[in-house]
Amino acid sequence: ARDAVSILDCWKLYFTNSDVDNIVKCTNIYLD
């Protein structure tokens, strides 16, 4: 985590792109 110097990069350490992608996938299933 030492390379995270922006506010958004620090936040993405806890909600990574893979976590958000999984939320998007499960949300689209329910939207359908």
PDB file of all heavy atoms in Angstrom:
ATOM      1  N   ALA A   1       0.806  -1.220   0.000  1.00  0.00           N
ATOM      2  CA  ALA A   1       0.000   0.000   0.000  1.00  0.00           C
ATOM      3  C   ALA A   1       0.841   1.272   0.000  1.00  0.00           C
ATOM      4  O   ALA A   1       0.282   2.367   0.048  1.00  0.00           O
ATOM      5  CB  ALA A   1      -0.929   0.011   1.217  1.00  0.00           C
ATOM      6  N   ARG A   2       2.167   1.153  -0.077  1.00  0.00           N
ATOM      7  CA  ARG A   2       3.006   2.353   0.024  1.00  0.00           C
ATOM      8  C   ARG A   2       2.994   3.207  -1.234  1.00  0.00           C
ATOM      9  O   ARG A   2       3.377   4.376  -1.191  1.00  0.00           O
ATOM     10  CB  ARG A   2       4.442   1.945   0.349  1.00  0.00           C
ATOM     11  CG  ARG A   2       4.603   1.384   1.759  1.00  0.00           C
ATOM     12  CD  ARG A   2       6.008   0.885   2.012  1.00  0.00           C
ATOM     13  NE  ARG A   2       6.115   0.250   3.332  1.00  0.00           N
ATOM     14  CZ  ARG A   2       7.150  -0.445   3.734  1.00  0.00           C
ATOM     15  NH1 ARG A   2       8.217  -0.582   2.926  1.00  0.00           N
ATOM     16  NH2 ARG A   2       7.172  -0.997   4.936  1.00  0.00           N
ATOM     17  N   ASP A   3       2.566   2.653  -2.361  1.00  0.00           N
ATOM     18  CA  ASP A   3       2.553   3.425  -3.599  1.00  0.00           C
ATOM     19  C   ASP A   3       1.274   4.228  -3.772  1.00  0.00           C
ATOM     20  O   ASP A   3       1.145   4.981  -4.745  1.00  0.00           O
ATOM     21  CB  ASP A   3       2.737   2.488  -4.800  1.00  0.00           C
ATOM     22  CG  ASP A   3       4.102   1.821  -4.801  1.00  0.00           C
ATOM     23  OD1 ASP A   3       5.039   2.412  -4.231  1.00  0.00           O
ATOM     24  OD2 ASP A   3       4.227   0.703  -5.347  1.00  0.00           O
ATOM     25  N   ALA A   4       0.297   4.068  -2.905  1.00  0.00           N
ATOM     26  CA  ALA A   4      -0.971   4.791  -3.016  1.00  0.00           C
ATOM     27  C   ALA A   4      -0.786   6.183  -2.425  1.00  0.00           C
ATOM     28  O   ALA A   4      -0.664   6.350  -1.215  1.00  0.00           O
ATOM     29  CB  ALA A   4      -2.075   4.035  -2.284  1.00  0.00           C
ATOM     30  N   VAL A   5      -0.748   7.204  -3.311  1.00  0.00           N
ATOM     31  CA  VAL A   5      -0.505   8.575  -2.859  1.00  0.00           C
ATOM     32  C   VAL A   5      -1.690   9.496  -3.137  1.00  0.00           C
ATOM     33  O   VAL A   5      -1.706  10.630  -2.654  1.00  0.00           O
ATOM     34  CB  VAL A   5       0.763   9.154  -3.523  1.00  0.00           C
ATOM     35  CG1 VAL A   5       1.998   8.425  -3.029  1.00  0.00           C
ATOM     36  CG2 VAL A   5       0.667   9.078  -5.036  1.00  0.00           C
ATOM     37  N   SER A   6      -2.659   9.053  -3.907  1.00  0.00           N
ATOM     38  CA  SER A   6      -3.858   9.852  -4.148  1.00  0.00           C
ATOM     39  C   SER A   6      -4.999   9.334  -3.281  1.00  0.00           C
ATOM     40  O   SER A   6      -4.981   8.191  -2.815  1.00  0.00           O
ATOM     41  CB  SER A   6      -4.262   9.815  -5.624  1.00  0.00           C
ATOM     42  OG  SER A   6      -4.732   8.529  -5.979  1.00  0.00           O
ATOM     43  N   ILE A   7      -5.997  10.175  -3.081  1.00  0.00           N
ATOM     44  CA  ILE A   7      -7.131   9.792  -2.238  1.00  0.00           C
ATOM     45  C   ILE A   7      -7.876   8.614  -2.849  1.00  0.00           C
ATOM     46  O   ILE A   7      -8.250   7.664  -2.142  1.00  0.00           O
ATOM     47  CB  ILE A   7      -8.063  11.002  -2.045  1.00  0.00           C
ATOM     48  CG1 ILE A   7      -7.356  12.078  -1.224  1.00  0.00           C
ATOM     49  CG2 ILE A   7      -9.368  10.586  -1.384  1.00  0.00           C
ATOM     50  CD1 ILE A   7      -8.169  13.342  -1.018  1.00  0.00           C
ATOM     51  N   LEU A   8      -8.069   8.633  -4.160  1.00  0.00           N
ATOM     52  CA  LEU A   8      -8.802   7.552  -4.811  1.00  0.00           C
ATOM     53  C   LEU A   8      -8.012   6.251  -4.774  1.00  0.00           C
ATOM     54  O   LEU A   8      -8.594   5.170  -4.565  1.00  0.00           O
ATOM     55  CB  LEU A   8      -9.116   7.935  -6.259  1.00  0.00           C
ATOM     56  CG  LEU A   8      -9.986   6.951  -7.040  1.00  0.00           C
ATOM     57  CD1 LEU A   8     -11.333   6.748  -6.355  1.00  0.00           C
ATOM     58  CD2 LEU A   8     -10.179   7.424  -8.477  1.00  0.00           C
ATOM     59  N   ASP A   9      -6.702   6.320  -4.947  1.00  0.00           N
ATOM     60  CA  ASP A   9      -5.887   5.100  -4.901  1.00  0.00           C
ATOM     61  C   ASP A   9      -5.910   4.476  -3.508  1.00  0.00           C
ATOM     62  O   ASP A   9      -5.934   3.254  -3.366  1.00  0.00           O
ATOM     63  CB  ASP A   9      -4.445   5.414  -5.312  1.00  0.00           C
ATOM     64  CG  ASP A   9      -4.325   5.718  -6.787  1.00  0.00           C
ATOM     65  OD1 ASP A   9      -5.239   5.345  -7.546  1.00  0.00           O
ATOM     66  OD2 ASP A   9      -3.324   6.351  -7.178  1.00  0.00           O
ATOM     67  N   CYS A  10      -5.898   5.315  -2.476  1.00  0.00           N
ATOM     68  CA  CYS A  10      -5.969   4.778  -1.105  1.00  0.00           C
ATOM     69  C   CYS A  10      -7.314   4.104  -0.857  1.00  0.00           C
ATOM     70  O   CYS A  10      -7.373   3.059  -0.197  1.00  0.00           O
ATOM     71  CB  CYS A  10      -5.741   5.906  -0.095  1.00  0.00           C
ATOM     72  SG  CYS A  10      -4.071   6.596  -0.110  1.00  0.00           S
ATOM     73  N   TRP A  11      -8.383   4.675  -1.380  1.00  0.00           N
ATOM     74  CA  TRP A  11      -9.705   4.066  -1.190  1.00  0.00           C
ATOM     75  C   TRP A  11      -9.822   2.753  -1.958  1.00  0.00           C
ATOM     76  O   TRP A  11     -10.433   1.803  -1.483  1.00  0.00           O
ATOM     77  CB  TRP A  11     -10.780   5.049  -1.641  1.00  0.00           C
ATOM     78  CG  TRP A  11     -12.179   4.545  -1.455  1.00  0.00           C
ATOM     79  CD1 TRP A  11     -12.915   4.592  -0.318  1.00  0.00           C
ATOM     80  CD2 TRP A  11     -12.993   3.904  -2.436  1.00  0.00           C
ATOM     81  NE1 TRP A  11     -14.152   4.024  -0.523  1.00  0.00           N
ATOM     82  CE2 TRP A  11     -14.225   3.593  -1.819  1.00  0.00           C
ATOM     83  CE3 TRP A  11     -12.820   3.566  -3.773  1.00  0.00           C
ATOM     84  CZ2 TRP A  11     -15.272   2.963  -2.486  1.00  0.00           C
ATOM     85  CZ3 TRP A  11     -13.858   2.938  -4.446  1.00  0.00           C
ATOM     86  CH2 TRP A  11     -15.058   2.640  -3.805  1.00  0.00           C
ATOM     87  N   LYS A  12      -9.209   2.697  -3.128  1.00  0.00           N
ATOM     88  CA  LYS A  12      -9.287   1.475  -3.931  1.00  0.00           C
ATOM     89  C   LYS A  12      -8.474   0.324  -3.348  1.00  0.00           C
ATOM     90  O   LYS A  12      -8.581  -0.804  -3.846  1.00  0.00           O
ATOM     91  CB  LYS A  12      -8.821   1.764  -5.365  1.00  0.00           C
ATOM     92  CG  LYS A  12      -9.850   2.525  -6.187  1.00  0.00           C
ATOM     93  CD  LYS A  12      -9.433   2.643  -7.631  1.00  0.00           C
ATOM     94  CE  LYS A  12     -10.523   3.289  -8.461  1.00  0.00           C
ATOM     95  NZ  LYS A  12     -10.155   3.392  -9.902  1.00  0.00           N
ATOM     96  N   LEU A  13      -7.689   0.592  -2.335  1.00  0.00           N
ATOM     97  CA  LEU A  13      -7.023  -0.510  -1.636  1.00  0.00           C
ATOM     98  C   LEU A  13      -8.028  -1.401  -0.919  1.00  0.00           C
ATOM     99  O   LEU A  13      -7.741  -2.573  -0.649  1.00  0.00           O
ATOM    100  CB  LEU A  13      -6.014   0.034  -0.628  1.00  0.00           C
ATOM    101  CG  LEU A  13      -4.790   0.761  -1.198  1.00  0.00           C
ATOM    102  CD1 LEU A  13      -3.993   1.396  -0.070  1.00  0.00           C
ATOM    103  CD2 LEU A  13      -3.916  -0.196  -1.995  1.00  0.00           C
ATOM    104  N   TYR A  14      -9.207  -0.870  -0.618  1.00  0.00           N
ATOM    105  CA  TYR A  14     -10.214  -1.609   0.144  1.00  0.00           C
ATOM    106  C   TYR A  14     -11.391  -2.046  -0.722  1.00  0.00           C
ATOM    107  O   TYR A  14     -12.000  -3.082  -0.449  1.00  0.00           O
ATOM    108  CB  TYR A  14     -10.698  -0.742   1.312  1.00  0.00           C
ATOM    109  CG  TYR A  14      -9.570  -0.348   2.212  1.00  0.00           C
ATOM    110  CD1 TYR A  14      -8.903   0.861   2.054  1.00  0.00           C
ATOM    111  CD2 TYR A  14      -9.117  -1.210   3.205  1.00  0.00           C
ATOM    112  CE1 TYR A  14      -7.838   1.210   2.852  1.00  0.00           C
ATOM    113  CE2 TYR A  14      -8.050  -0.878   4.013  1.00  0.00           C
ATOM    114  CZ  TYR A  14      -7.414   0.335   3.833  1.00  0.00           C
ATOM    115  OH  TYR A  14      -6.335   0.664   4.627  1.00  0.00           O
ATOM    116  N   PHE A  15     -11.718  -1.292  -1.751  1.00  0.00           N
ATOM    117  CA  PHE A  15     -12.694  -1.717  -2.752  1.00  0.00           C
ATOM    118  C   PHE A  15     -11.964  -1.751  -4.097  1.00  0.00           C
ATOM    119  O   PHE A  15     -11.951  -0.772  -4.841  1.00  0.00           O
ATOM    120  CB  PHE A  15     -13.896  -0.768  -2.803  1.00  0.00           C
ATOM    121  CG  PHE A  15     -14.801  -0.870  -1.609  1.00  0.00           C
ATOM    122  CD1 PHE A  15     -14.779   0.103  -0.627  1.00  0.00           C
ATOM    123  CD2 PHE A  15     -15.664  -1.947  -1.463  1.00  0.00           C
ATOM    124  CE1 PHE A  15     -15.607   0.015   0.481  1.00  0.00           C
ATOM    125  CE2 PHE A  15     -16.500  -2.044  -0.356  1.00  0.00           C
ATOM    126  CZ  PHE A  15     -16.471  -1.062   0.611  1.00  0.00           C
ATOM    127  N   THR A  16     -11.341  -2.865  -4.365  1.00  0.00           N
ATOM    128  CA  THR A  16     -10.537  -2.998  -5.570  1.00  0.00           C
ATOM    129  C   THR A  16     -11.437  -3.073  -6.801  1.00  0.00           C
ATOM    130  O   THR A  16     -12.662  -3.205  -6.694  1.00  0.00           O
ATOM    131  CB  THR A  16      -9.660  -4.256  -5.486  1.00  0.00           C
ATOM    132  OG1 THR A  16     -10.518  -5.412  -5.374  1.00  0.00           O
ATOM    133  CG2 THR A  16      -8.753  -4.196  -4.263  1.00  0.00           C
ATOM    134  N   ASN A  17     -10.810  -2.993  -7.976  1.00  0.00           N
ATOM    135  CA  ASN A  17     -11.578  -3.077  -9.222  1.00  0.00           C
ATOM    136  C   ASN A  17     -12.304  -4.412  -9.341  1.00  0.00           C
ATOM    137  O   ASN A  17     -13.422  -4.473  -9.853  1.00  0.00           O
ATOM    138  CB  ASN A  17     -10.645  -2.870 -10.414  1.00  0.00           C
ATOM    139  CG  ASN A  17     -10.139  -1.442 -10.509  1.00  0.00           C
ATOM    140  OD1 ASN A  17     -10.808  -0.503 -10.060  1.00  0.00           O
ATOM    141  ND2 ASN A  17      -8.953  -1.261 -11.073  1.00  0.00           N
ATOM    142  N   SER A  18     -11.678  -5.483  -8.875  1.00  0.00           N
ATOM    143  CA  SER A  18     -12.337  -6.793  -8.946  1.00  0.00           C
ATOM    144  C   SER A  18     -13.562  -6.840  -8.026  1.00  0.00           C
ATOM    145  O   SER A  18     -14.587  -7.443  -8.380  1.00  0.00           O
ATOM    146  CB  SER A  18     -11.349  -7.900  -8.569  1.00  0.00           C
ATOM    147  OG  SER A  18     -10.861  -7.721  -7.248  1.00  0.00           O
ATOM    148  N   ASP A  19     -13.474  -6.198  -6.859  1.00  0.00           N
ATOM    149  CA  ASP A  19     -14.630  -6.149  -5.966  1.00  0.00           C
ATOM    150  C   ASP A  19     -15.772  -5.356  -6.593  1.00  0.00           C
ATOM    151  O   ASP A  19     -16.942  -5.771  -6.532  1.00  0.00           O
ATOM    152  CB  ASP A  19     -14.242  -5.524  -4.625  1.00  0.00           C
ATOM    153  CG  ASP A  19     -13.257  -6.380  -3.854  1.00  0.00           C
ATOM    154  OD1 ASP A  19     -13.304  -7.621  -3.998  1.00  0.00           O
ATOM    155  OD2 ASP A  19     -12.425  -5.815  -3.107  1.00  0.00           O
ATOM    156  N   VAL A  20     -15.447  -4.222  -7.197  1.00  0.00           N
ATOM    157  CA  VAL A  20     -16.481  -3.404  -7.830  1.00  0.00           C
ATOM    158  C   VAL A  20     -17.058  -4.133  -9.040  1.00  0.00           C
ATOM    159  O   VAL A  20     -18.276  -4.088  -9.292  1.00  0.00           O
ATOM    160  CB  VAL A  20     -15.918  -2.032  -8.220  1.00  0.00           C
ATOM    161  CG1 VAL A  20     -16.968  -1.197  -8.945  1.00  0.00           C
ATOM    162  CG2 VAL A  20     -15.425  -1.287  -6.975  1.00  0.00           C
ATOM    163  N   ASP A  21     -16.216  -4.822  -9.801  1.00  0.00           N
ATOM    164  CA  ASP A  21     -16.715  -5.589 -10.956  1.00  0.00           C
ATOM    165  C   ASP A  21     -17.688  -6.668 -10.509  1.00  0.00           C
ATOM    166  O   ASP A  21     -18.693  -6.939 -11.193  1.00  0.00           O
ATOM    167  CB  ASP A  21     -15.546  -6.225 -11.710  1.00  0.00           C
ATOM    168  CG  ASP A  21     -14.711  -5.187 -12.444  1.00  0.00           C
ATOM    169  OD1 ASP A  21     -15.229  -4.083 -12.684  1.00  0.00           O
ATOM    170  OD2 ASP A  21     -13.537  -5.486 -12.746  1.00  0.00           O
ATOM    171  N   ASN A  22     -17.416  -7.300  -9.386  1.00  0.00           N
ATOM    172  CA  ASN A  22     -18.332  -8.315  -8.877  1.00  0.00           C
ATOM    173  C   ASN A  22     -19.668  -7.691  -8.462  1.00  0.00           C
ATOM    174  O   ASN A  22     -20.737  -8.281  -8.702  1.00  0.00           O
ATOM    175  CB  ASN A  22     -17.694  -9.041  -7.696  1.00  0.00           C
ATOM    176  CG  ASN A  22     -18.562 -10.169  -7.173  1.00  0.00           C
ATOM    177  OD1 ASN A  22     -18.820 -11.148  -7.856  1.00  0.00           O
ATOM    178  ND2 ASN A  22     -19.036 -10.026  -5.937  1.00  0.00           N
ATOM    179  N   ILE A  23     -19.617  -6.500  -7.852  1.00  0.00           N
ATOM    180  CA  ILE A  23     -20.861  -5.803  -7.505  1.00  0.00           C
ATOM    181  C   ILE A  23     -21.635  -5.448  -8.767  1.00  0.00           C
ATOM    182  O   ILE A  23     -22.878  -5.584  -8.812  1.00  0.00           O
ATOM    183  CB  ILE A  23     -20.544  -4.545  -6.676  1.00  0.00           C
ATOM    184  CG1 ILE A  23     -19.934  -4.940  -5.326  1.00  0.00           C
ATOM    185  CG2 ILE A  23     -21.793  -3.704  -6.462  1.00  0.00           C
ATOM    186  CD1 ILE A  23     -19.493  -3.757  -4.475  1.00  0.00           C
ATOM    187  N   VAL A  24     -20.939  -4.994  -9.801  1.00  0.00           N
ATOM    188  CA  VAL A  24     -21.597  -4.655 -11.067  1.00  0.00           C
ATOM    189  C   VAL A  24     -22.265  -5.889 -11.673  1.00  0.00           C
ATOM    190  O   VAL A  24     -23.416  -5.842 -12.124  1.00  0.00           O
ATOM    191  CB  VAL A  24     -20.578  -4.045 -12.044  1.00  0.00           C
ATOM    192  CG1 VAL A  24     -21.184  -3.907 -13.439  1.00  0.00           C
ATOM    193  CG2 VAL A  24     -20.099  -2.697 -11.535  1.00  0.00           C
ATOM    194  N   LYS A  25     -21.577  -6.993 -11.656  1.00  0.00           N
ATOM    195  CA  LYS A  25     -22.120  -8.230 -12.217  1.00  0.00           C
ATOM    196  C   LYS A  25     -23.374  -8.671 -11.469  1.00  0.00           C
ATOM    197  O   LYS A  25     -24.400  -8.991 -12.094  1.00  0.00           O
ATOM    198  CB  LYS A  25     -21.049  -9.322 -12.153  1.00  0.00           C
ATOM    199  CG  LYS A  25     -21.525 -10.686 -12.620  1.00  0.00           C
ATOM    200  CD  LYS A  25     -20.422 -11.715 -12.448  1.00  0.00           C
ATOM    201  CE  LYS A  25     -20.938 -13.121 -12.806  1.00  0.00           C
ATOM    202  NZ  LYS A  25     -19.882 -14.151 -12.604  1.00  0.00           N
ATOM    203  N   CYS A  26     -23.328  -8.683 -10.157  1.00  0.00           N
ATOM    204  CA  CYS A  26     -24.478  -9.128  -9.360  1.00  0.00           C
ATOM    205  C   CYS A  26     -25.627  -8.136  -9.444  1.00  0.00           C
ATOM    206  O   CYS A  26     -26.805  -8.541  -9.442  1.00  0.00           O
ATOM    207  CB  CYS A  26     -24.055  -9.311  -7.910  1.00  0.00           C
ATOM    208  SG  CYS A  26     -22.768 -10.566  -7.666  1.00  0.00           S
ATOM    209  N   THR A  27     -25.319  -6.836  -9.556  1.00  0.00           N
ATOM    210  CA  THR A  27     -26.374  -5.835  -9.704  1.00  0.00           C
ATOM    211  C   THR A  27     -27.062  -5.957 -11.049  1.00  0.00           C
ATOM    212  O   THR A  27     -28.298  -5.822 -11.145  1.00  0.00           O
ATOM    213  CB  THR A  27     -25.788  -4.432  -9.518  1.00  0.00           C
ATOM    214  OG1 THR A  27     -25.157  -4.343  -8.227  1.00  0.00           O
ATOM    215  CG2 THR A  27     -26.865  -3.372  -9.622  1.00  0.00           C
ATOM    216  N   ASN A  28     -26.324  -6.218 -12.097  1.00  0.00           N
ATOM    217  CA  ASN A  28     -26.930  -6.399 -13.426  1.00  0.00           C
ATOM    218  C   ASN A  28     -27.841  -7.612 -13.469  1.00  0.00           C
ATOM    219  O   ASN A  28     -28.859  -7.619 -14.186  1.00  0.00           O
ATOM    220  CB  ASN A  28     -25.834  -6.514 -14.485  1.00  0.00           C
ATOM    221  CG  ASN A  28     -25.197  -5.167 -14.806  1.00  0.00           C
ATOM    222  OD1 ASN A  28     -25.831  -4.115 -14.654  1.00  0.00           O
ATOM    223  ND2 ASN A  28     -23.949  -5.195 -15.227  1.00  0.00           N
ATOM    224  N   ILE A  29     -27.498  -8.643 -12.721  1.00  0.00           N
ATOM    225  CA  ILE A  29     -28.376  -9.825 -12.666  1.00  0.00           C
ATOM    226  C   ILE A  29     -29.727  -9.452 -12.077  1.00  0.00           C
ATOM    227  O   ILE A  29     -30.786  -9.860 -12.585  1.00  0.00           O
ATOM    228  CB  ILE A  29     -27.706 -10.949 -11.849  1.00  0.00           C
ATOM    229  CG1 ILE A  29     -26.469 -11.479 -12.567  1.00  0.00           C
ATOM    230  CG2 ILE A  29     -28.694 -12.090 -11.574  1.00  0.00           C
ATOM    231  CD1 ILE A  29     -25.677 -12.503 -11.773  1.00  0.00           C
ATOM    232  N   TYR A  30     -29.706  -8.638 -11.047  1.00  0.00           N
ATOM    233  CA  TYR A  30     -30.971  -8.249 -10.432  1.00  0.00           C
ATOM    234  C   TYR A  30     -31.702  -7.215 -11.290  1.00  0.00           C
ATOM    235  O   TYR A  30     -32.938  -7.193 -11.325  1.00  0.00           O
ATOM    236  CB  TYR A  30     -30.731  -7.696  -9.036  1.00  0.00           C
ATOM    237  CG  TYR A  30     -31.988  -7.589  -8.212  1.00  0.00           C
ATOM    238  CD1 TYR A  30     -32.527  -8.713  -7.596  1.00  0.00           C
ATOM    239  CD2 TYR A  30     -32.663  -6.376  -8.073  1.00  0.00           C
ATOM    240  CE1 TYR A  30     -33.686  -8.633  -6.840  1.00  0.00           C
ATOM    241  CE2 TYR A  30     -33.818  -6.284  -7.324  1.00  0.00           C
ATOM    242  CZ  TYR A  30     -34.330  -7.420  -6.712  1.00  0.00           C
ATOM    243  OH  TYR A  30     -35.487  -7.337  -5.976  1.00  0.00           O
ATOM    244  N   LEU A  31     -30.971  -6.325 -11.974  1.00  0.00           N
ATOM    245  CA  LEU A  31     -31.614  -5.385 -12.882  1.00  0.00           C
ATOM    246  C   LEU A  31     -32.349  -6.112 -14.001  1.00  0.00           C
ATOM    247  O   LEU A  31     -33.452  -5.705 -14.404  1.00  0.00           O
ATOM    248  CB  LEU A  31     -30.577  -4.420 -13.461  1.00  0.00           C
ATOM    249  CG  LEU A  31     -30.077  -3.298 -12.545  1.00  0.00           C
ATOM    250  CD1 LEU A  31     -28.921  -2.551 -13.208  1.00  0.00           C
ATOM    251  CD2 LEU A  31     -31.212  -2.331 -12.199  1.00  0.00           C
ATOM    252  N   ASP A  32     -31.762  -7.175 -14.487  1.00  0.00           N
ATOM    253  CA  ASP A  32     -32.422  -7.974 -15.531  1.00  0.00           C
ATOM    254  C   ASP A  32     -33.706  -8.596 -14.992  1.00  0.00           C
ATOM    255  O   ASP A  32     -34.698  -8.731 -15.723  1.00  0.00           O
ATOM    256  CB  ASP A  32     -31.460  -9.060 -16.017  1.00  0.00           C
ATOM    257  CG  ASP A  32     -32.041  -9.859 -17.169  1.00  0.00           C
ATOM    258  OD1 ASP A  32     -32.320  -9.253 -18.221  1.00  0.00           O
ATOM    259  OD2 ASP A  32     -32.227 -11.087 -17.004  1.00  0.00           O
TER     260      ASP A  32
END
